[in-house]
Amino acid sequence: MSVVVIGVIAAVALIVVVSIIGQRHYEATEQTKPVKGDELAIWPFVPMPVMTATEVLFFKKLQQAMPEYLIFGQVQLSRIIEPSDEAESKSFWFNRICRQSVDYVLIGADLQTTLLAIELDDWTHSGRSRQKADAKKDKALASAGIPIVRFDAEKMPSVAVLRHDISAILKKYPQR
């Protein structure tokens, strides 16, 4: 072998070794690099209400109207629907819904089946961006076969109206 070939091989080997050492050093420092706030003994969080006063009033009416069902409030969409196995990119579809929630869900006796999503719409739903988000939520739920009903917070329905409207929707969608 010529001296030039040996020199080139040695240079390539040296570059590979230095690259490996540099990568290991980078990974070690990245893993130990503190994140802002990690050093604090207590983080700056305080509890907050799960629902507004209007949502609590509506929740109580829902419980009276549909006592035979479990009702959960403020449920993330990603807890009740997921991309189907046929979805081309599950992470893409998951990201479409992961930050959205529904005000209430009506759950079947098996404690697993979402029978109905319920939204209490107030004045904040009149804006264009909110209407677009609501349409996206409605489409995602409809695609999964979960009906959604919307009630106007300004026209707070009675217990009787809630029972009638919800029962009518449940009759259209047999329990899965």
C-alpha atoms as a PDB file:
ATOM      1  CA  MET A   1       0.000   0.000   0.000  1.00  0.00           C
ATOM      2  CA  SER A   2       1.202   3.429  -0.758  1.00  0.00           C
ATOM      3  CA  VAL A   3       1.777   6.055   1.876  1.00  0.00           C
ATOM      4  CA  VAL A   4      -0.953   8.211   0.321  1.00  0.00           C
ATOM      5  CA  VAL A   5      -3.604   5.455   0.624  1.00  0.00           C
ATOM      6  CA  ILE A   6      -2.598   4.756   4.244  1.00  0.00           C
ATOM      7  CA  GLY A   7      -2.784   8.483   4.968  1.00  0.00           C
ATOM      8  CA  VAL A   8      -6.265   8.769   3.475  1.00  0.00           C
ATOM      9  CA  ILE A   9      -7.491   5.723   5.442  1.00  0.00           C
ATOM     10  CA  ALA A  10      -6.008   7.167   8.641  1.00  0.00           C
ATOM     11  CA  ALA A  11      -7.664  10.546   7.996  1.00  0.00           C
ATOM     12  CA  VAL A  12     -11.064   8.952   7.365  1.00  0.00           C
ATOM     13  CA  ALA A  13     -10.700   6.820  10.507  1.00  0.00           C
ATOM     14  CA  LEU A  14      -9.768   9.902  12.545  1.00  0.00           C
ATOM     15  CA  ILE A  15     -12.792  11.801  11.213  1.00  0.00           C
ATOM     16  CA  VAL A  16     -15.105   8.892  12.095  1.00  0.00           C
ATOM     17  CA  VAL A  17     -13.685   8.608  15.635  1.00  0.00           C
ATOM     18  CA  VAL A  18     -13.926  12.364  16.249  1.00  0.00           C
ATOM     19  CA  SER A  19     -17.500  12.381  14.886  1.00  0.00           C
ATOM     20  CA  ILE A  20     -18.553   9.522  17.191  1.00  0.00           C
ATOM     21  CA  ILE A  21     -16.967  11.177  20.233  1.00  0.00           C
ATOM     22  CA  GLY A  22     -18.592  14.509  19.354  1.00  0.00           C
ATOM     23  CA  GLN A  23     -22.022  12.900  18.942  1.00  0.00           C
ATOM     24  CA  ARG A  24     -21.743  11.128  22.297  1.00  0.00           C
ATOM     25  CA  HIS A  25     -20.699  14.370  24.014  1.00  0.00           C
ATOM     26  CA  TYR A  26     -23.639  16.220  22.387  1.00  0.00           C
ATOM     27  CA  GLU A  27     -26.139  13.542  23.455  1.00  0.00           C
ATOM     28  CA  ALA A  28     -24.761  13.510  27.028  1.00  0.00           C
ATOM     29  CA  THR A  29     -25.031  17.296  27.401  1.00  0.00           C
ATOM     30  CA  GLU A  30     -28.515  17.394  25.820  1.00  0.00           C
ATOM     31  CA  GLN A  31     -29.870  14.788  28.239  1.00  0.00           C
ATOM     32  CA  THR A  32     -28.576  16.616  31.311  1.00  0.00           C
ATOM     33  CA  LYS A  33     -29.413  20.136  30.123  1.00  0.00           C
ATOM     34  CA  PRO A  34     -31.973  21.527  32.589  1.00  0.00           C
ATOM     35  CA  VAL A  35     -35.284  22.866  31.375  1.00  0.00           C
ATOM     36  CA  LYS A  36     -36.464  26.212  32.702  1.00  0.00           C
ATOM     37  CA  GLY A  37     -38.471  25.636  35.870  1.00  0.00           C
ATOM     38  CA  ASP A  38     -37.043  22.194  36.698  1.00  0.00           C
ATOM     39  CA  GLU A  39     -35.023  23.745  39.516  1.00  0.00           C
ATOM     40  CA  LEU A  40     -38.109  25.140  41.250  1.00  0.00           C
ATOM     41  CA  ALA A  41     -39.424  23.179  44.244  1.00  0.00           C
ATOM     42  CA  ILE A  42     -42.984  24.295  43.468  1.00  0.00           C
ATOM     43  CA  TRP A  43     -44.277  25.228  40.039  1.00  0.00           C
ATOM     44  CA  PRO A  44     -46.559  28.272  39.604  1.00  0.00           C
ATOM     45  CA  PHE A  45     -49.896  26.486  39.195  1.00  0.00           C
ATOM     46  CA  VAL A  46     -53.191  26.970  41.006  1.00  0.00           C
ATOM     47  CA  PRO A  47     -56.400  24.957  40.694  1.00  0.00           C
ATOM     48  CA  MET A  48     -59.135  26.267  38.470  1.00  0.00           C
ATOM     49  CA  PRO A  49     -62.797  25.333  38.028  1.00  0.00           C
ATOM     50  CA  VAL A  50     -63.518  22.533  35.574  1.00  0.00           C
ATOM     51  CA  MET A  51     -66.674  24.292  34.375  1.00  0.00           C
ATOM     52  CA  THR A  52     -68.140  27.765  34.308  1.00  0.00           C
ATOM     53  CA  ALA A  53     -71.191  28.528  36.449  1.00  0.00           C
ATOM     54  CA  THR A  54     -73.415  28.207  33.355  1.00  0.00           C
ATOM     55  CA  GLU A  55     -71.863  24.838  32.486  1.00  0.00           C
ATOM     56  CA  VAL A  56     -72.424  23.606  36.056  1.00  0.00           C
ATOM     57  CA  LEU A  57     -76.094  24.627  35.882  1.00  0.00           C
ATOM     58  CA  PHE A  58     -76.476  22.848  32.534  1.00  0.00           C
ATOM     59  CA  PHE A  59     -74.654  19.755  33.860  1.00  0.00           C
ATOM     60  CA  LYS A  60     -77.080  19.506  36.781  1.00  0.00           C
ATOM     61  CA  LYS A  61     -80.010  19.756  34.364  1.00  0.00           C
ATOM     62  CA  LEU A  62     -78.462  17.037  32.196  1.00  0.00           C
ATOM     63  CA  GLN A  63     -78.128  14.770  35.228  1.00  0.00           C
ATOM     64  CA  GLN A  64     -81.779  15.334  36.104  1.00  0.00           C
ATOM     65  CA  ALA A  65     -82.887  14.810  32.499  1.00  0.00           C
ATOM     66  CA  MET A  66     -80.882  11.636  31.878  1.00  0.00           C
ATOM     67  CA  PRO A  67     -80.308   9.954  35.269  1.00  0.00           C
ATOM     68  CA  GLU A  68     -79.928   6.508  33.697  1.00  0.00           C
ATOM     69  CA  TYR A  69     -76.673   7.552  31.949  1.00  0.00           C
ATOM     70  CA  LEU A  70     -73.261   8.633  33.097  1.00  0.00           C
ATOM     71  CA  ILE A  71     -72.326  12.107  31.965  1.00  0.00           C
ATOM     72  CA  PHE A  72     -68.758  13.374  31.870  1.00  0.00           C
ATOM     73  CA  GLY A  73     -67.726  16.970  31.324  1.00  0.00           C
ATOM     74  CA  GLN A  74     -64.837  18.559  29.451  1.00  0.00           C
ATOM     75  CA  VAL A  75     -63.704  15.408  27.645  1.00  0.00           C
ATOM     76  CA  GLN A  76     -60.860  15.550  25.144  1.00  0.00           C
ATOM     77  CA  LEU A  77     -61.889  14.402  21.674  1.00  0.00           C
ATOM     78  CA  SER A  78     -58.826  12.160  21.575  1.00  0.00           C
ATOM     79  CA  ARG A  79     -60.299  10.196  24.524  1.00  0.00           C
ATOM     80  CA  ILE A  80     -63.465   9.271  22.627  1.00  0.00           C
ATOM     81  CA  ILE A  81     -62.352   8.983  18.982  1.00  0.00           C
ATOM     82  CA  GLU A  82     -59.173   7.890  17.224  1.00  0.00           C
ATOM     83  CA  PRO A  83     -57.973   7.568  13.634  1.00  0.00           C
ATOM     84  CA  SER A  84     -59.192   4.369  11.990  1.00  0.00           C
ATOM     85  CA  ASP A  85     -56.805   1.635  10.912  1.00  0.00           C
ATOM     86  CA  GLU A  86     -57.422   2.759   7.328  1.00  0.00           C
ATOM     87  CA  ALA A  87     -56.081   6.257   8.047  1.00  0.00           C
ATOM     88  CA  GLU A  88     -53.056   6.964   5.896  1.00  0.00           C
ATOM     89  CA  SER A  89     -51.245   8.923   8.591  1.00  0.00           C
ATOM     90  CA  LYS A  90     -52.624   8.348  12.079  1.00  0.00           C
ATOM     91  CA  SER A  91     -50.503  11.095  13.617  1.00  0.00           C
ATOM     92  CA  PHE A  92     -51.828  13.644  11.084  1.00  0.00           C
ATOM     93  CA  TRP A  93     -55.451  12.797  11.930  1.00  0.00           C
ATOM     94  CA  PHE A  94     -54.759  12.610  15.667  1.00  0.00           C
ATOM     95  CA  ASN A  95     -53.235  16.102  15.535  1.00  0.00           C
ATOM     96  CA  ARG A  96     -56.431  17.398  13.870  1.00  0.00           C
ATOM     97  CA  ILE A  97     -58.421  16.661  17.039  1.00  0.00           C
ATOM     98  CA  CYS A  98     -55.959  16.335  19.935  1.00  0.00           C
ATOM     99  CA  ARG A  99     -56.501  19.815  21.394  1.00  0.00           C
ATOM    100  CA  GLN A 100     -60.276  19.837  21.116  1.00  0.00           C
ATOM    101  CA  SER A 101     -62.792  18.801  23.736  1.00  0.00           C
ATOM    102  CA  VAL A 102     -66.536  18.406  24.055  1.00  0.00           C
ATOM    103  CA  ASP A 103     -68.468  19.972  26.899  1.00  0.00           C
ATOM    104  CA  TYR A 104     -70.237  16.737  27.896  1.00  0.00           C
ATOM    105  CA  VAL A 105     -70.452  13.117  26.808  1.00  0.00           C
ATOM    106  CA  LEU A 106     -73.242  10.663  27.532  1.00  0.00           C
ATOM    107  CA  ILE A 107     -71.759   7.222  28.241  1.00  0.00           C
ATOM    108  CA  GLY A 108     -73.420   3.824  27.881  1.00  0.00           C
ATOM    109  CA  ALA A 109     -73.953   1.285  30.659  1.00  0.00           C
ATOM    110  CA  ASP A 110     -70.753  -0.535  29.621  1.00  0.00           C
ATOM    111  CA  LEU A 111     -68.782   2.566  30.727  1.00  0.00           C
ATOM    112  CA  GLN A 112     -66.930   2.399  27.409  1.00  0.00           C
ATOM    113  CA  THR A 113     -69.299   3.599  24.721  1.00  0.00           C
ATOM    114  CA  THR A 114     -69.820   7.260  23.958  1.00  0.00           C
ATOM    115  CA  LEU A 115     -73.469   7.568  22.966  1.00  0.00           C
ATOM    116  CA  LEU A 116     -73.676  11.310  22.448  1.00  0.00           C
ATOM    117  CA  ALA A 117     -71.518  14.420  22.524  1.00  0.00           C
ATOM    118  CA  ILE A 118     -73.218  17.503  23.949  1.00  0.00           C
ATOM    119  CA  GLU A 119     -72.094  21.083  23.457  1.00  0.00           C
ATOM    120  CA  LEU A 120     -73.351  24.144  25.290  1.00  0.00           C
ATOM    121  CA  ASP A 121     -72.736  27.037  22.917  1.00  0.00           C
ATOM    122  CA  ASP A 122     -72.449  30.541  24.290  1.00  0.00           C
ATOM    123  CA  TRP A 123     -71.604  33.849  22.599  1.00  0.00           C
ATOM    124  CA  THR A 124     -68.015  32.702  21.968  1.00  0.00           C
ATOM    125  CA  HIS A 125     -69.295  30.317  19.284  1.00  0.00           C
ATOM    126  CA  SER A 126     -70.442  33.178  17.038  1.00  0.00           C
ATOM    127  CA  GLY A 127     -66.957  34.055  15.787  1.00  0.00           C
ATOM    128  CA  ARG A 128     -65.720  32.704  12.443  1.00  0.00           C
ATOM    129  CA  SER A 129     -62.712  30.852  13.837  1.00  0.00           C
ATOM    130  CA  ARG A 130     -64.816  29.211  16.540  1.00  0.00           C
ATOM    131  CA  GLN A 131     -67.454  28.185  14.008  1.00  0.00           C
ATOM    132  CA  LYS A 132     -64.724  26.654  11.885  1.00  0.00           C
ATOM    133  CA  ALA A 133     -63.398  24.724  14.908  1.00  0.00           C
ATOM    134  CA  ASP A 134     -66.948  23.599  15.773  1.00  0.00           C
ATOM    135  CA  ALA A 135     -67.471  22.358  12.198  1.00  0.00           C
ATOM    136  CA  LYS A 136     -64.209  20.411  12.402  1.00  0.00           C
ATOM    137  CA  LYS A 137     -65.300  18.874  15.712  1.00  0.00           C
ATOM    138  CA  ASP A 138     -68.736  17.990  14.311  1.00  0.00           C
ATOM    139  CA  LYS A 139     -67.161  16.367  11.238  1.00  0.00           C
ATOM    140  CA  ALA A 140     -64.720  14.308  13.315  1.00  0.00           C
ATOM    141  CA  LEU A 141     -67.486  13.029  15.599  1.00  0.00           C
ATOM    142  CA  ALA A 142     -69.847  12.297  12.691  1.00  0.00           C
ATOM    143  CA  SER A 143     -67.048  10.390  10.945  1.00  0.00           C
ATOM    144  CA  ALA A 144     -66.699   8.207  14.053  1.00  0.00           C
ATOM    145  CA  GLY A 145     -70.476   7.689  14.224  1.00  0.00           C
ATOM    146  CA  ILE A 146     -70.960   9.710  17.396  1.00  0.00           C
ATOM    147  CA  PRO A 147     -73.882  12.130  17.235  1.00  0.00           C
ATOM    148  CA  ILE A 148     -73.458  15.622  18.628  1.00  0.00           C
ATOM    149  CA  VAL A 149     -76.156  17.969  19.837  1.00  0.00           C
ATOM    150  CA  ARG A 150     -75.712  21.650  20.538  1.00  0.00           C
ATOM    151  CA  PHE A 151     -77.747  23.688  22.980  1.00  0.00           C
ATOM    152  CA  ASP A 152     -77.739  27.469  23.204  1.00  0.00           C
ATOM    153  CA  ALA A 153     -76.564  28.698  26.612  1.00  0.00           C
ATOM    154  CA  GLU A 154     -78.560  31.917  26.208  1.00  0.00           C
ATOM    155  CA  LYS A 155     -81.763  29.872  25.858  1.00  0.00           C
ATOM    156  CA  MET A 156     -80.999  27.446  28.673  1.00  0.00           C
ATOM    157  CA  PRO A 157     -83.254  24.441  27.987  1.00  0.00           C
ATOM    158  CA  SER A 158     -85.441  22.957  30.695  1.00  0.00           C
ATOM    159  CA  VAL A 159     -84.924  19.443  32.058  1.00  0.00           C
ATOM    160  CA  ALA A 160     -87.972  18.284  30.053  1.00  0.00           C
ATOM    161  CA  VAL A 161     -86.636  19.740  26.789  1.00  0.00           C
ATOM    162  CA  LEU A 162     -83.220  18.158  27.405  1.00  0.00           C
ATOM    163  CA  ARG A 163     -84.810  14.750  28.037  1.00  0.00           C
ATOM    164  CA  HIS A 164     -86.986  15.018  24.928  1.00  0.00           C
ATOM    165  CA  ASP A 165     -84.240  16.192  22.566  1.00  0.00           C
ATOM    166  CA  ILE A 166     -81.576  13.790  23.812  1.00  0.00           C
ATOM    167  CA  SER A 167     -83.948  10.804  23.837  1.00  0.00           C
ATOM    168  CA  ALA A 168     -84.970  11.574  20.248  1.00  0.00           C
ATOM    169  CA  ILE A 169     -81.318  11.576  19.133  1.00  0.00           C
ATOM    170  CA  LEU A 170     -80.519   8.356  21.009  1.00  0.00           C
ATOM    171  CA  LYS A 171     -83.448   6.597  19.263  1.00  0.00           C
ATOM    172  CA  LYS A 172     -81.924   7.482  15.884  1.00  0.00           C
ATOM    173  CA  TYR A 173     -78.538   6.010  16.837  1.00  0.00           C
ATOM    174  CA  PRO A 174     -78.760   2.481  18.228  1.00  0.00           C
ATOM    175  CA  GLN A 175     -76.251   1.809  20.990  1.00  0.00           C
ATOM    176  CA  ARG A 176     -73.105   0.291  19.554  1.00  0.00           C
END
